[in-house]
N, C-alpha and C. Protein backbone atom coordinates (compact mmCIF):
# COMPACT_ATOMS: atom_id res chain seq x y z
N UNK A 1 19.36 10.42 -4.07
CA UNK A 1 19.71 10.74 -2.70
C UNK A 1 18.56 10.30 -1.78
N UNK A 2 18.89 9.63 -0.72
CA UNK A 2 17.90 9.15 0.23
C UNK A 2 17.61 10.22 1.27
N UNK A 3 16.30 10.42 1.53
CA UNK A 3 15.87 11.36 2.57
C UNK A 3 15.27 10.58 3.72
N UNK A 4 15.33 11.14 4.88
CA UNK A 4 14.69 10.55 6.06
C UNK A 4 13.68 11.53 6.61
N UNK A 5 12.65 11.00 7.28
CA UNK A 5 11.71 11.85 8.00
C UNK A 5 11.32 11.13 9.28
N UNK A 6 10.92 11.89 10.27
CA UNK A 6 10.49 11.29 11.54
C UNK A 6 9.04 10.84 11.43
N UNK A 7 8.79 9.59 11.78
CA UNK A 7 7.44 9.03 11.80
C UNK A 7 7.22 8.46 13.19
N UNK A 8 6.20 8.99 13.88
CA UNK A 8 5.84 8.43 15.18
C UNK A 8 5.09 7.13 14.93
N UNK A 9 5.35 6.12 15.77
CA UNK A 9 4.72 4.82 15.58
C UNK A 9 4.30 4.24 16.93
N UNK A 10 3.10 3.70 16.94
CA UNK A 10 2.58 2.97 18.09
C UNK A 10 2.37 1.54 17.64
N UNK A 11 2.98 0.61 18.35
CA UNK A 11 2.87 -0.80 18.01
C UNK A 11 2.02 -1.51 19.05
N UNK A 12 0.78 -1.83 18.71
CA UNK A 12 -0.10 -2.56 19.61
C UNK A 12 -0.16 -4.04 19.25
N UNK A 13 0.77 -4.49 18.43
CA UNK A 13 0.82 -5.90 18.05
C UNK A 13 1.76 -6.65 18.99
N UNK A 14 1.80 -7.95 18.83
CA UNK A 14 2.72 -8.80 19.59
C UNK A 14 4.05 -8.98 18.88
N UNK A 15 4.29 -8.21 17.82
CA UNK A 15 5.45 -8.42 16.97
C UNK A 15 6.34 -7.19 16.97
N UNK A 16 7.58 -7.33 16.50
CA UNK A 16 8.51 -6.19 16.51
C UNK A 16 8.02 -5.05 15.62
N UNK A 17 8.59 -3.87 15.84
CA UNK A 17 8.32 -2.73 14.97
C UNK A 17 8.69 -3.09 13.53
N UNK A 18 7.99 -2.51 12.56
CA UNK A 18 8.42 -2.71 11.17
C UNK A 18 9.87 -2.26 11.01
N UNK A 19 10.61 -2.96 10.17
CA UNK A 19 12.00 -2.58 9.95
C UNK A 19 12.39 -2.85 8.51
N UNK A 20 13.41 -2.13 8.07
CA UNK A 20 13.95 -2.34 6.73
C UNK A 20 14.80 -3.60 6.77
N UNK A 21 14.58 -4.51 5.81
CA UNK A 21 15.28 -5.79 5.80
C UNK A 21 16.72 -5.68 5.32
N UNK A 22 17.00 -4.70 4.44
CA UNK A 22 18.36 -4.46 3.95
C UNK A 22 18.60 -2.97 3.88
N UNK A 23 19.84 -2.56 3.69
CA UNK A 23 20.18 -1.15 3.60
C UNK A 23 19.48 -0.49 2.41
N UNK A 24 19.26 -1.23 1.33
CA UNK A 24 18.64 -0.67 0.14
C UNK A 24 17.13 -0.84 0.07
N UNK A 25 16.52 -1.40 1.08
CA UNK A 25 15.07 -1.61 1.07
C UNK A 25 14.33 -0.28 1.05
N UNK A 26 13.32 -0.18 0.17
CA UNK A 26 12.50 1.03 0.11
C UNK A 26 11.35 0.96 1.11
N UNK A 27 10.92 -0.25 1.45
CA UNK A 27 9.77 -0.40 2.33
C UNK A 27 10.06 -1.26 3.53
N UNK A 28 9.18 -1.13 4.51
CA UNK A 28 9.23 -1.97 5.70
C UNK A 28 8.07 -2.97 5.61
N UNK A 29 8.28 -4.14 6.14
CA UNK A 29 7.22 -5.16 6.11
C UNK A 29 6.25 -4.97 7.26
N UNK A 30 4.97 -5.14 6.96
CA UNK A 30 3.92 -5.13 7.96
C UNK A 30 3.46 -6.55 8.21
N UNK A 31 3.16 -6.86 9.45
CA UNK A 31 2.80 -8.22 9.85
C UNK A 31 1.32 -8.35 10.18
N UNK A 32 0.82 -9.57 9.99
CA UNK A 32 -0.56 -9.88 10.34
C UNK A 32 -0.68 -9.97 11.86
N UNK A 33 -1.43 -9.08 12.45
CA UNK A 33 -1.64 -9.09 13.89
C UNK A 33 -2.91 -9.88 14.19
N UNK A 34 -2.79 -11.19 14.02
CA UNK A 34 -3.91 -12.10 14.26
C UNK A 34 -3.52 -13.09 15.34
N UNK A 35 -4.50 -13.58 16.08
CA UNK A 35 -4.22 -14.46 17.21
C UNK A 35 -4.06 -15.92 16.83
N UNK A 36 -4.68 -16.31 15.72
CA UNK A 36 -4.57 -17.70 15.27
C UNK A 36 -4.51 -17.73 13.76
N UNK A 37 -4.15 -18.89 13.22
CA UNK A 37 -4.06 -19.04 11.77
C UNK A 37 -5.40 -18.65 11.13
N UNK A 38 -5.30 -18.07 9.93
CA UNK A 38 -6.48 -17.65 9.19
C UNK A 38 -6.39 -18.23 7.79
N UNK A 39 -7.41 -18.95 7.37
CA UNK A 39 -7.44 -19.50 6.02
C UNK A 39 -7.99 -18.44 5.08
N UNK A 40 -7.17 -18.02 4.13
CA UNK A 40 -7.56 -17.03 3.13
C UNK A 40 -8.12 -17.82 1.94
N UNK A 41 -9.42 -17.77 1.79
CA UNK A 41 -10.09 -18.55 0.76
C UNK A 41 -9.96 -17.88 -0.61
N UNK A 42 -10.01 -18.68 -1.68
CA UNK A 42 -9.91 -18.12 -3.03
C UNK A 42 -11.01 -17.09 -3.31
N UNK A 43 -10.61 -16.02 -3.98
CA UNK A 43 -11.52 -14.97 -4.45
C UNK A 43 -12.28 -14.26 -3.34
N UNK A 44 -11.80 -14.33 -2.11
CA UNK A 44 -12.43 -13.66 -0.98
C UNK A 44 -11.55 -12.50 -0.52
N UNK A 45 -12.18 -11.48 0.03
CA UNK A 45 -11.48 -10.29 0.51
C UNK A 45 -11.43 -10.31 2.03
N UNK A 46 -10.27 -9.97 2.59
CA UNK A 46 -10.05 -9.97 4.03
C UNK A 46 -9.41 -8.66 4.45
N UNK A 47 -9.81 -8.17 5.61
CA UNK A 47 -9.18 -7.00 6.22
C UNK A 47 -8.31 -7.51 7.36
N UNK A 48 -7.00 -7.39 7.21
CA UNK A 48 -6.05 -7.95 8.17
C UNK A 48 -5.45 -6.83 9.02
N UNK A 49 -5.63 -6.89 10.34
CA UNK A 49 -5.05 -5.85 11.20
C UNK A 49 -3.53 -6.03 11.33
N UNK A 50 -2.85 -4.89 11.55
CA UNK A 50 -1.40 -4.94 11.76
C UNK A 50 -1.01 -4.54 13.18
N UNK A 51 -1.90 -3.86 13.90
CA UNK A 51 -1.56 -3.35 15.23
C UNK A 51 -0.68 -2.12 15.19
N UNK A 52 -0.48 -1.55 14.00
CA UNK A 52 0.42 -0.41 13.80
C UNK A 52 -0.39 0.87 13.58
N UNK A 53 0.00 1.93 14.29
CA UNK A 53 -0.58 3.27 14.17
C UNK A 53 0.59 4.22 13.94
N UNK A 54 0.44 5.18 13.01
CA UNK A 54 1.56 6.09 12.73
C UNK A 54 1.09 7.54 12.64
N UNK A 55 2.05 8.45 12.80
CA UNK A 55 1.85 9.87 12.53
C UNK A 55 3.01 10.35 11.68
N UNK A 56 2.68 10.88 10.50
CA UNK A 56 3.70 11.37 9.56
C UNK A 56 3.58 12.88 9.42
N UNK A 57 4.65 13.54 8.99
CA UNK A 57 4.56 14.97 8.70
C UNK A 57 3.66 15.23 7.50
N UNK A 58 3.04 16.42 7.44
CA UNK A 58 2.30 16.79 6.24
C UNK A 58 3.24 16.75 5.04
N UNK A 59 2.72 16.31 3.91
CA UNK A 59 3.54 16.19 2.70
C UNK A 59 4.13 14.81 2.52
N UNK A 60 3.89 13.92 3.50
CA UNK A 60 4.37 12.53 3.42
C UNK A 60 3.16 11.61 3.47
N UNK A 61 3.14 10.61 2.63
CA UNK A 61 2.12 9.56 2.67
C UNK A 61 2.82 8.23 2.87
N UNK A 62 2.09 7.26 3.38
CA UNK A 62 2.60 5.88 3.42
C UNK A 62 1.82 5.10 2.38
N UNK A 63 2.54 4.44 1.50
CA UNK A 63 1.91 3.59 0.49
C UNK A 63 2.00 2.15 0.97
N UNK A 64 0.88 1.45 0.91
CA UNK A 64 0.84 0.04 1.29
C UNK A 64 0.85 -0.77 0.00
N UNK A 65 1.82 -1.64 -0.12
CA UNK A 65 2.03 -2.41 -1.35
C UNK A 65 2.08 -3.91 -1.04
N UNK A 66 1.75 -4.70 -2.04
CA UNK A 66 1.81 -6.15 -1.90
C UNK A 66 3.27 -6.59 -1.75
N UNK A 67 3.45 -7.72 -1.10
CA UNK A 67 4.78 -8.36 -1.06
C UNK A 67 4.87 -9.25 -2.29
N UNK A 68 5.89 -9.06 -3.09
CA UNK A 68 5.98 -9.75 -4.38
C UNK A 68 6.05 -11.27 -4.24
N UNK A 69 6.71 -11.76 -3.21
CA UNK A 69 6.80 -13.21 -3.03
C UNK A 69 5.44 -13.83 -2.75
N UNK A 70 4.63 -13.19 -1.90
CA UNK A 70 3.29 -13.69 -1.62
C UNK A 70 2.41 -13.61 -2.86
N UNK A 71 2.59 -12.57 -3.66
CA UNK A 71 1.80 -12.43 -4.89
C UNK A 71 2.17 -13.52 -5.89
N UNK A 72 3.45 -13.72 -6.13
CA UNK A 72 3.90 -14.69 -7.13
C UNK A 72 3.62 -16.12 -6.71
N UNK A 73 3.98 -16.47 -5.49
CA UNK A 73 3.88 -17.86 -5.04
C UNK A 73 2.49 -18.27 -4.56
N UNK A 74 1.72 -17.31 -4.03
CA UNK A 74 0.46 -17.67 -3.39
C UNK A 74 -0.75 -16.86 -3.87
N UNK A 75 -0.54 -15.94 -4.81
CA UNK A 75 -1.65 -15.19 -5.37
C UNK A 75 -2.27 -14.17 -4.45
N UNK A 76 -1.57 -13.79 -3.37
CA UNK A 76 -2.12 -12.79 -2.45
C UNK A 76 -1.82 -11.39 -2.97
N UNK A 77 -2.87 -10.60 -3.09
CA UNK A 77 -2.75 -9.25 -3.63
C UNK A 77 -3.54 -8.27 -2.78
N UNK A 78 -3.28 -7.00 -2.98
CA UNK A 78 -4.07 -5.96 -2.33
C UNK A 78 -5.24 -5.63 -3.24
N UNK A 79 -6.43 -5.63 -2.69
CA UNK A 79 -7.63 -5.37 -3.48
C UNK A 79 -7.56 -3.99 -4.12
N UNK A 80 -7.04 -3.01 -3.40
CA UNK A 80 -6.98 -1.64 -3.90
C UNK A 80 -5.67 -1.32 -4.60
N UNK A 81 -4.92 -2.33 -5.01
CA UNK A 81 -3.65 -2.11 -5.71
C UNK A 81 -2.59 -1.59 -4.76
N UNK A 82 -2.54 -0.29 -4.62
CA UNK A 82 -1.67 0.34 -3.63
C UNK A 82 -2.57 1.16 -2.71
N UNK A 83 -2.45 0.93 -1.42
CA UNK A 83 -3.23 1.70 -0.46
C UNK A 83 -2.48 2.94 -0.06
N UNK A 84 -3.20 4.00 0.24
CA UNK A 84 -2.60 5.25 0.69
C UNK A 84 -3.01 5.52 2.13
N UNK A 85 -2.02 5.77 2.97
CA UNK A 85 -2.26 6.23 4.33
C UNK A 85 -1.93 7.72 4.34
N UNK A 86 -2.95 8.55 4.54
CA UNK A 86 -2.76 10.00 4.56
C UNK A 86 -2.11 10.42 5.88
N UNK A 87 -1.40 11.56 5.87
CA UNK A 87 -0.69 11.98 7.08
C UNK A 87 -1.60 12.36 8.24
N UNK A 88 -2.89 12.59 7.98
CA UNK A 88 -3.79 12.93 9.08
C UNK A 88 -4.59 11.73 9.58
N UNK A 89 -4.33 10.53 9.06
CA UNK A 89 -5.01 9.32 9.53
C UNK A 89 -4.31 8.81 10.79
N UNK A 90 -5.08 8.50 11.82
CA UNK A 90 -4.51 8.03 13.08
C UNK A 90 -5.00 6.65 13.48
N UNK A 91 -5.78 6.01 12.63
CA UNK A 91 -6.29 4.69 12.97
C UNK A 91 -5.27 3.59 12.70
N UNK A 92 -5.66 2.39 13.02
CA UNK A 92 -4.80 1.22 12.78
C UNK A 92 -4.65 0.99 11.29
N UNK A 93 -3.45 0.67 10.87
CA UNK A 93 -3.21 0.29 9.48
C UNK A 93 -3.70 -1.13 9.31
N UNK A 94 -4.60 -1.31 8.34
CA UNK A 94 -5.12 -2.64 8.03
C UNK A 94 -4.86 -2.92 6.56
N UNK A 95 -4.66 -4.18 6.25
CA UNK A 95 -4.31 -4.61 4.90
C UNK A 95 -5.52 -5.30 4.29
N UNK A 96 -5.93 -4.87 3.09
CA UNK A 96 -7.08 -5.47 2.41
C UNK A 96 -6.53 -6.49 1.41
N UNK A 97 -6.55 -7.77 1.81
CA UNK A 97 -5.98 -8.86 1.01
C UNK A 97 -7.05 -9.61 0.24
N UNK A 98 -6.65 -10.13 -0.93
CA UNK A 98 -7.47 -11.05 -1.68
C UNK A 98 -6.58 -12.20 -2.16
N UNK A 99 -7.15 -13.38 -2.21
CA UNK A 99 -6.46 -14.56 -2.72
C UNK A 99 -6.95 -14.76 -4.15
N UNK A 100 -6.08 -14.52 -5.13
CA UNK A 100 -6.45 -14.61 -6.53
C UNK A 100 -6.35 -16.02 -7.11
N UNK A 101 -5.79 -16.95 -6.35
CA UNK A 101 -5.66 -18.32 -6.86
C UNK A 101 -6.90 -19.15 -6.51
N UNK A 102 -6.90 -20.38 -6.96
CA UNK A 102 -8.03 -21.29 -6.72
C UNK A 102 -7.82 -22.21 -5.53
N UNK A 103 -6.80 -21.93 -4.74
CA UNK A 103 -6.55 -22.77 -3.56
C UNK A 103 -6.42 -21.88 -2.32
N UNK A 104 -6.85 -22.36 -1.17
CA UNK A 104 -6.76 -21.57 0.06
C UNK A 104 -5.30 -21.33 0.45
N UNK A 105 -5.09 -20.26 1.21
CA UNK A 105 -3.77 -19.94 1.75
C UNK A 105 -3.90 -19.81 3.26
N UNK A 106 -2.99 -20.43 3.99
CA UNK A 106 -3.01 -20.36 5.45
C UNK A 106 -2.10 -19.23 5.91
N UNK A 107 -2.71 -18.18 6.44
CA UNK A 107 -1.98 -17.02 6.95
C UNK A 107 -1.64 -17.25 8.41
N UNK A 108 -0.38 -17.11 8.74
CA UNK A 108 0.11 -17.36 10.09
C UNK A 108 0.14 -16.06 10.91
N UNK A 109 -0.10 -16.14 12.20
CA UNK A 109 0.07 -14.96 13.05
C UNK A 109 1.50 -14.41 12.91
N UNK A 110 1.60 -13.10 12.75
CA UNK A 110 2.91 -12.47 12.64
C UNK A 110 3.53 -12.54 11.26
N UNK A 111 2.87 -13.18 10.31
CA UNK A 111 3.43 -13.29 8.96
C UNK A 111 3.51 -11.92 8.30
N UNK A 112 4.59 -11.68 7.56
CA UNK A 112 4.76 -10.44 6.83
C UNK A 112 3.82 -10.46 5.62
N UNK A 113 2.89 -9.48 5.56
CA UNK A 113 1.83 -9.54 4.55
C UNK A 113 1.82 -8.38 3.56
N UNK A 114 2.52 -7.31 3.85
CA UNK A 114 2.53 -6.14 2.95
C UNK A 114 3.76 -5.31 3.26
N UNK A 115 4.02 -4.36 2.37
CA UNK A 115 5.12 -3.42 2.57
C UNK A 115 4.54 -2.02 2.74
N UNK A 116 5.24 -1.21 3.51
CA UNK A 116 4.87 0.19 3.67
C UNK A 116 6.05 1.05 3.20
N UNK A 117 5.78 1.91 2.23
CA UNK A 117 6.79 2.79 1.64
C UNK A 117 6.34 4.23 1.87
N UNK A 118 7.24 5.08 2.31
CA UNK A 118 6.92 6.49 2.56
C UNK A 118 7.33 7.31 1.34
N UNK A 119 6.47 8.28 1.02
CA UNK A 119 6.70 9.07 -0.18
C UNK A 119 6.20 10.50 0.02
N UNK A 120 6.93 11.46 -0.58
CA UNK A 120 6.46 12.84 -0.60
C UNK A 120 5.38 12.97 -1.67
N UNK A 121 4.47 13.91 -1.47
CA UNK A 121 3.46 14.16 -2.48
C UNK A 121 3.27 15.65 -2.67
N UNK A 122 2.66 15.99 -3.77
CA UNK A 122 2.37 17.38 -4.11
C UNK A 122 0.86 17.53 -4.19
N UNK A 123 0.32 18.60 -3.62
CA UNK A 123 -1.11 18.89 -3.72
C UNK A 123 -1.33 19.84 -4.90
N UNK A 124 -2.39 19.59 -5.65
CA UNK A 124 -2.70 20.39 -6.83
C UNK A 124 -3.53 21.61 -6.46
N UNK A 125 -3.22 22.72 -7.07
CA UNK A 125 -4.07 23.90 -7.03
C UNK A 125 -4.82 23.93 -8.36
N UNK A 126 -6.11 23.56 -8.35
CA UNK A 126 -6.88 23.46 -9.58
C UNK A 126 -7.24 24.83 -10.12
N UNK A 127 -7.12 24.99 -11.43
CA UNK A 127 -7.49 26.21 -12.13
C UNK A 127 -8.58 25.82 -13.13
N UNK A 128 -9.82 26.10 -12.79
CA UNK A 128 -10.95 25.70 -13.63
C UNK A 128 -10.91 26.42 -14.98
N UNK A 129 -11.25 25.66 -16.03
CA UNK A 129 -11.38 26.21 -17.38
C UNK A 129 -12.79 25.91 -17.87
N UNK A 130 -13.24 26.66 -18.87
CA UNK A 130 -14.62 26.54 -19.35
C UNK A 130 -14.77 25.55 -20.50
N UNK A 131 -13.67 25.25 -21.21
CA UNK A 131 -13.79 24.34 -22.36
C UNK A 131 -12.49 23.58 -22.59
N UNK A 132 -12.58 22.50 -23.35
CA UNK A 132 -11.41 21.67 -23.66
C UNK A 132 -10.37 22.46 -24.45
N UNK A 133 -10.80 23.46 -25.20
CA UNK A 133 -9.89 24.27 -26.00
C UNK A 133 -8.91 25.07 -25.13
N UNK A 134 -9.27 25.26 -23.87
CA UNK A 134 -8.38 26.01 -22.96
C UNK A 134 -7.23 25.16 -22.43
N UNK A 135 -7.28 23.84 -22.69
CA UNK A 135 -6.17 22.96 -22.32
C UNK A 135 -5.16 22.96 -23.46
N UNK A 136 -3.89 23.12 -23.13
CA UNK A 136 -2.85 23.15 -24.15
C UNK A 136 -2.82 21.81 -24.89
N UNK A 137 -2.68 21.86 -26.21
CA UNK A 137 -2.63 20.61 -26.98
C UNK A 137 -1.31 19.89 -26.72
N UNK A 138 -1.33 18.57 -26.96
CA UNK A 138 -0.13 17.75 -26.79
C UNK A 138 -0.04 16.74 -27.92
N UNK A 139 1.10 16.10 -28.05
CA UNK A 139 1.29 15.10 -29.10
C UNK A 139 0.30 13.95 -28.93
N UNK A 140 0.05 13.55 -27.72
CA UNK A 140 -0.87 12.44 -27.44
C UNK A 140 -2.32 12.84 -27.64
N UNK A 141 -2.64 14.05 -27.27
CA UNK A 141 -4.03 14.50 -27.40
C UNK A 141 -4.95 13.70 -26.49
N UNK A 142 -6.09 13.24 -27.03
CA UNK A 142 -7.04 12.49 -26.23
C UNK A 142 -6.91 10.98 -26.42
N UNK A 143 -5.75 10.53 -26.93
CA UNK A 143 -5.50 9.09 -27.10
C UNK A 143 -5.51 8.40 -25.75
N UNK A 144 -6.42 7.46 -25.60
CA UNK A 144 -6.61 6.79 -24.31
C UNK A 144 -5.91 5.44 -24.26
N UNK A 145 -6.58 4.49 -23.62
CA UNK A 145 -6.03 3.15 -23.43
C UNK A 145 -5.61 2.55 -24.77
N UNK A 146 -4.38 2.06 -24.85
CA UNK A 146 -3.88 1.39 -26.04
C UNK A 146 -3.58 2.32 -27.20
N UNK A 147 -3.49 3.59 -26.93
CA UNK A 147 -3.30 4.55 -28.01
C UNK A 147 -1.98 4.37 -28.77
N UNK A 148 -0.98 3.76 -28.14
CA UNK A 148 0.32 3.62 -28.79
C UNK A 148 0.59 2.20 -29.27
N UNK A 149 -0.43 1.37 -29.30
CA UNK A 149 -0.26 -0.02 -29.75
C UNK A 149 -1.08 -0.94 -28.86
N UNK A 150 -0.52 -2.10 -28.56
CA UNK A 150 -1.24 -3.11 -27.76
C UNK A 150 -1.61 -2.63 -26.40
């Protein structure tokens, strides 16, 4: 079941508000709010402004994700994997891009560079324990990376 929530948005860019591209889209595309073309060099990190500012209700976060087409075709990825915009952040949303390929990429003004997906979250109430024995055992136990095979 799809839920909706009200998100206040201020658009200080020269481009339209983010919008869902299809009825089934989970995320909205964010655009590069740059004045001229920018060459994204291989293995370099860039902070790209979007001109977008938002206010979300408590309990909602915005996740910033890579656009799969840019990742597959041009090697553009988010340095932090998935970025989190907390509901109390009021600054401009910026995208931390890296070019993972060995060739430069020309980023155009207004180009769609990332997706923003809204999600509910749960806050943990931590209950401190004095030893590992106080944690309930499980089938996995302390099996870490690769514990189930490759």
